[in-house]
């Protein structure tokens, strides 16, 4: 199942400030999607997102969703 095959290292969000901040780490999957995990609880599970879902998320963030 390529959608769950992680092909890069996890990278911490560039906005992470350390301490007890809410931070995530993101890695690429073989199908072009992304895997996301909590940087403070790396063993707590991974969310997998398809390329389309990840693109929609990025579009929403760039458009100001949640501001």
Protein backbone atom coordinates (compact mmCIF):
# COMPACT_ATOMS: atom_id res chain seq x y z
CA UNK A 1 0.00 0.00 0.00
CA UNK A 2 1.98 2.99 -1.31
CA UNK A 3 -0.19 5.53 0.50
CA UNK A 4 1.33 4.35 3.80
CA UNK A 5 4.91 3.86 2.64
CA UNK A 6 6.96 6.71 4.13
CA UNK A 7 9.81 7.62 1.77
CA UNK A 8 11.45 10.60 3.53
CA UNK A 9 12.44 11.47 7.06
CA UNK A 10 9.94 13.36 9.18
CA UNK A 11 10.64 17.09 9.23
CA UNK A 12 9.47 19.36 12.06
CA UNK A 13 7.33 22.34 11.14
CA UNK A 14 9.41 25.47 10.51
CA UNK A 15 7.15 27.36 12.93
CA UNK A 16 7.94 25.06 15.85
CA UNK A 17 9.36 27.06 18.75
CA UNK A 18 10.34 24.27 21.15
CA UNK A 19 9.04 23.96 24.70
CA UNK A 20 5.47 22.70 25.03
CA UNK A 21 4.24 24.24 21.78
CA UNK A 22 1.90 22.30 19.51
CA UNK A 23 4.21 20.96 16.81
CA UNK A 24 3.89 18.48 14.00
CA UNK A 25 6.33 16.60 11.81
CA UNK A 26 5.59 15.76 8.17
CA UNK A 27 7.07 13.13 5.83
CA UNK A 28 6.37 12.29 2.17
CA UNK A 29 4.66 9.03 1.22
CA UNK A 30 5.31 6.98 -1.91
CA UNK A 31 2.06 8.08 -3.57
CA UNK A 32 2.86 11.79 -3.13
CA UNK A 33 0.78 12.21 0.00
CA UNK A 34 1.98 13.06 3.48
CA UNK A 35 2.34 11.37 6.85
CA UNK A 36 1.89 13.58 9.92
CA UNK A 37 2.76 12.93 13.57
CA UNK A 38 2.94 14.87 16.83
CA UNK A 39 6.56 15.90 17.46
CA UNK A 40 6.10 15.54 21.23
CA UNK A 41 4.56 12.06 21.00
CA UNK A 42 6.23 10.35 18.05
CA UNK A 43 4.99 6.93 19.10
CA UNK A 44 1.39 8.13 19.41
CA UNK A 45 0.42 7.33 15.85
CA UNK A 46 0.67 8.70 12.34
CA UNK A 47 -2.03 10.26 10.18
CA UNK A 48 -1.79 9.54 6.46
CA UNK A 49 -3.17 11.98 3.89
CA UNK A 50 -3.65 11.41 0.17
CA UNK A 51 -2.07 13.87 -2.28
CA UNK A 52 -5.49 15.44 -2.94
CA UNK A 53 -6.32 15.82 0.74
CA UNK A 54 -2.90 17.33 1.48
CA UNK A 55 -3.28 19.78 -1.41
CA UNK A 56 -6.73 20.83 -0.17
CA UNK A 57 -5.31 21.35 3.33
CA UNK A 58 -2.49 23.55 1.99
CA UNK A 59 -4.92 25.56 -0.13
CA UNK A 60 -7.13 26.15 2.93
CA UNK A 61 -4.17 27.26 5.06
CA UNK A 62 -2.89 29.60 2.34
CA UNK A 63 -6.41 30.99 1.98
CA UNK A 64 -6.56 31.91 5.66
CA UNK A 65 -8.71 29.04 6.94
CA UNK A 66 -8.59 29.01 10.71
CA UNK A 67 -7.36 32.60 11.10
